[in-house]
Amino acid sequence: MEIKYFGKSIFFIKGKTENVWVNPPNVDFFSRIKDKARTVIFSEERNNQKEWFNREEVVIFGPGEYEIGGVGVIGVNGGESTIYTVNYEGLILGIMGKIKEIPSDKKMEKIGGVDLLLADVSSETDLKVLTQFAKKVGTNYLVPSNFNQDGLRKFLDITDNEQMEPIGCLKVSIEELPEGMEVVVLKEI
């Protein structure tokens, strides 16, 4: 699996057989981009949701259970946003927007374990709660999104990664997951 970051909370996930877009800004952006996907996932409600109806892609807005081309998606209401787990080529990918408190035990049970977590670190996210959540679900890779330089600095300070340098894309396989949690900052494409 390969993950690219397009700024704000926008990611493109390329797999061997399926691709997924996370939080594309609008249909026009999606139509112009060369990287195509059958699945589009939104972690937070959008004003432009209606423009995504009647598309050929499978568009996921909110809690529920979905399966698209062998990719299993579970969405759980996380209060501020929907927290998704995506079973993708043997890896469990977590996608979340803002978080201010750890979800209930019942919701945490539904979320389960997460190998790689794409998480909002904007000023509306409680960064300590985010890191507690990531540890609780056993995250191996924690990838921040939706940050300005000050927000990123605070996040890296909380996770003891002050010297972290951004990379172009993240390539992940189930055979090469790190022990413990590793923070990875992606450069905006």
Protein backbone atom coordinates (compact mmCIF):
# COMPACT_ATOMS: atom_id res chain seq x y z
CA MET A 1 0.00 0.00 0.00
CA GLU A 2 1.20 3.50 -0.82
CA ILE A 3 -0.15 6.67 0.81
CA LYS A 4 0.14 10.20 -0.60
CA TYR A 5 -0.91 13.42 1.15
CA PHE A 6 -2.64 16.24 -0.72
CA GLY A 7 -2.92 18.72 2.16
CA LYS A 8 -5.68 19.42 4.69
CA SER A 9 -7.14 15.95 5.37
CA ILE A 10 -6.87 14.65 1.79
CA PHE A 11 -5.12 11.33 1.14
CA PHE A 12 -4.79 8.93 -1.78
CA ILE A 13 -4.23 5.28 -0.89
CA LYS A 14 -3.00 3.05 -3.67
CA GLY A 15 -3.23 -0.68 -3.26
CA LYS A 16 -2.51 -3.67 -5.45
CA THR A 17 -6.12 -4.05 -6.59
CA GLU A 18 -8.10 -1.11 -5.14
CA ASN A 19 -7.49 2.59 -4.53
CA VAL A 20 -9.19 4.87 -2.01
CA TRP A 21 -9.52 8.66 -1.79
CA VAL A 22 -9.98 10.21 1.65
CA ASN A 23 -11.69 13.62 1.95
CA PRO A 24 -11.23 15.00 -1.61
CA PRO A 25 -12.31 18.68 -1.55
CA ASN A 26 -14.85 18.56 -4.39
CA VAL A 27 -15.96 16.70 -7.50
CA ASP A 28 -13.99 19.05 -9.78
CA PHE A 29 -10.71 18.21 -7.98
CA PHE A 30 -11.58 14.53 -8.13
CA SER A 31 -12.35 14.71 -11.87
CA ARG A 32 -9.05 16.48 -12.69
CA ILE A 33 -6.75 14.25 -10.66
CA LYS A 34 -4.94 11.42 -12.46
CA ASP A 35 -5.11 8.97 -9.54
CA LYS A 36 -8.53 7.31 -9.72
CA ALA A 37 -10.32 5.23 -7.11
CA ARG A 38 -13.55 3.32 -6.83
CA THR A 39 -13.99 4.29 -3.16
CA VAL A 40 -14.18 7.77 -1.59
CA ILE A 41 -14.36 8.14 2.21
CA PHE A 42 -15.27 11.32 4.10
CA SER A 43 -14.35 11.50 7.79
CA GLU A 44 -16.32 14.70 8.41
CA GLU A 45 -19.56 16.15 7.10
CA ARG A 46 -19.18 18.45 4.12
CA ASN A 47 -21.27 21.31 2.74
CA ASN A 48 -20.87 19.85 -0.75
CA GLN A 49 -22.05 16.31 0.04
CA LYS A 50 -24.89 16.47 -2.52
CA GLU A 51 -22.44 16.89 -5.42
CA TRP A 52 -21.10 13.40 -4.62
CA PHE A 53 -24.47 11.69 -5.13
CA ASN A 54 -25.09 9.80 -8.38
CA ARG A 55 -21.40 9.18 -8.99
CA GLU A 56 -19.96 5.89 -10.22
CA GLU A 57 -17.61 5.75 -7.21
CA VAL A 58 -18.77 4.34 -3.89
CA VAL A 59 -18.92 7.38 -1.60
CA ILE A 60 -18.98 6.78 2.16
CA PHE A 61 -20.32 9.49 4.48
CA GLY A 62 -20.66 8.37 8.07
CA PRO A 63 -21.11 5.36 10.32
CA GLY A 64 -21.98 1.92 8.97
CA GLU A 65 -20.42 -1.21 7.50
CA TYR A 66 -19.42 -1.36 3.84
CA GLU A 67 -17.58 -3.65 1.45
CA ILE A 68 -16.22 -2.49 -1.89
CA GLY A 69 -14.17 -4.82 -4.08
CA GLY A 70 -12.85 -6.81 -1.13
CA VAL A 71 -12.13 -3.68 0.94
CA GLY A 72 -14.10 -3.78 4.21
CA VAL A 73 -14.96 -0.44 5.83
CA ILE A 74 -16.46 0.14 9.28
CA GLY A 75 -17.47 3.66 10.30
CA VAL A 76 -18.07 4.49 13.96
CA ASN A 77 -19.44 7.78 15.28
CA GLY A 78 -16.51 9.38 17.09
CA GLY A 79 -18.38 12.47 18.29
CA GLU A 80 -16.56 15.15 16.29
CA SER A 81 -16.17 12.95 13.20
CA THR A 82 -16.57 9.41 11.93
CA ILE A 83 -13.73 7.05 12.79
CA TYR A 84 -13.21 4.46 10.04
CA THR A 85 -11.30 1.24 9.95
CA VAL A 86 -10.53 -0.03 6.48
CA ASN A 87 -9.43 -3.65 6.07
CA TYR A 88 -7.11 -3.18 3.13
CA GLU A 89 -4.81 -5.92 1.83
CA GLY A 90 -4.44 -7.44 5.30
CA LEU A 91 -3.68 -4.10 6.95
CA ILE A 92 -6.14 -2.18 9.10
CA LEU A 93 -6.11 1.48 8.14
CA GLY A 94 -7.72 4.00 10.52
CA ILE A 95 -9.10 7.31 9.28
CA MET A 96 -10.27 9.96 11.68
CA GLY A 97 -11.04 13.65 11.78
CA LYS A 98 -11.12 15.69 14.95
CA ILE A 99 -11.17 13.91 18.32
CA LYS A 100 -11.75 15.40 21.77
CA GLU A 101 -12.40 12.29 23.86
CA ILE A 102 -11.76 8.55 23.70
CA PRO A 103 -14.86 6.76 22.32
CA SER A 104 -16.85 4.48 24.63
CA ASP A 105 -15.66 0.92 25.24
CA LYS A 106 -18.43 -0.38 22.96
CA LYS A 107 -17.25 1.87 20.11
CA MET A 108 -13.60 1.03 20.80
CA GLU A 109 -14.46 -2.66 20.52
CA LYS A 110 -16.03 -2.04 17.12
CA ILE A 111 -12.99 -0.01 15.98
CA GLY A 112 -10.59 -2.73 17.10
CA GLY A 113 -6.89 -2.58 16.25
CA VAL A 114 -5.37 -0.17 13.73
CA ASP A 115 -2.04 -0.70 11.95
CA LEU A 116 -1.89 2.75 10.36
CA LEU A 117 -3.85 5.82 11.51
CA LEU A 118 -4.45 8.94 9.40
CA ALA A 119 -5.46 11.56 11.98
CA ASP A 120 -6.44 15.23 12.09
CA VAL A 121 -4.06 17.26 14.26
CA SER A 122 -5.72 20.65 13.76
CA SER A 123 -6.37 23.03 16.64
CA GLU A 124 -9.81 21.41 17.06
CA THR A 125 -8.22 18.07 18.03
CA ASP A 126 -7.09 17.25 21.55
CA LEU A 127 -3.59 15.97 20.72
CA LYS A 128 -3.17 14.13 24.03
CA VAL A 129 -6.46 12.30 23.46
CA LEU A 130 -5.36 11.49 19.90
CA THR A 131 -2.10 9.91 21.07
CA GLN A 132 -3.93 7.98 23.82
CA PHE A 133 -6.40 6.72 21.20
CA ALA A 134 -3.57 5.72 18.83
CA LYS A 135 -1.84 3.76 21.60
CA LYS A 136 -5.09 2.15 22.73
CA VAL A 137 -5.78 0.75 19.22
CA GLY A 138 -2.16 -0.41 18.80
CA THR A 139 -1.22 1.94 15.97
CA ASN A 140 2.09 1.15 14.25
CA TYR A 141 2.13 4.24 11.98
CA LEU A 142 0.52 7.53 13.00
CA VAL A 143 0.23 10.01 10.10
CA PRO A 144 -0.92 13.56 10.94
CA SER A 145 -3.12 15.66 8.66
CA ASN A 146 -4.89 19.03 8.56
CA PHE A 147 -2.09 20.94 10.25
CA ASN A 148 -0.31 24.27 10.06
CA GLN A 149 3.34 24.52 11.10
CA ASP A 150 2.51 25.47 14.70
CA GLY A 151 0.00 22.61 15.03
CA LEU A 152 2.48 20.15 13.56
CA ARG A 153 5.20 21.35 15.93
CA LYS A 154 2.87 20.81 18.93
CA PHE A 155 1.92 17.33 17.69
CA LEU A 156 5.56 16.34 17.13
CA ASP A 157 6.46 17.68 20.57
CA ILE A 158 3.73 15.62 22.27
CA THR A 159 4.85 12.47 20.43
CA ASP A 160 8.58 13.14 21.09
CA ASN A 161 9.37 13.51 17.38
CA GLU A 162 10.59 17.12 17.30
CA GLN A 163 13.21 16.43 14.60
CA MET A 164 10.83 14.60 12.23
CA GLU A 165 11.36 15.40 8.54
CA PRO A 166 8.46 14.97 6.07
CA ILE A 167 8.69 12.28 3.38
CA GLY A 168 7.05 12.15 -0.07
CA CYS A 169 4.90 9.05 0.39
CA LEU A 170 4.55 6.16 2.78
CA LYS A 171 4.83 2.58 1.55
CA VAL A 172 3.45 0.04 3.99
CA SER A 173 3.23 -3.73 3.99
CA ILE A 174 1.99 -6.04 6.70
CA GLU A 175 5.38 -7.80 6.78
CA GLU A 176 7.26 -4.58 7.59
CA LEU A 177 5.20 -2.92 10.35
CA PRO A 178 7.38 -1.30 13.02
CA GLU A 179 7.36 -2.43 16.64
CA GLY A 180 5.48 0.16 18.68
CA MET A 181 4.18 3.42 17.23
CA GLU A 182 6.09 5.41 14.63
CA VAL A 183 5.03 8.90 13.54
CA VAL A 184 5.35 9.68 9.82
CA VAL A 185 4.80 13.17 8.39
CA LEU A 186 4.00 13.28 4.68
CA LYS A 187 4.85 16.20 2.37
CA GLU A 188 1.91 17.78 0.64
CA ILE A 189 1.76 16.95 -3.07
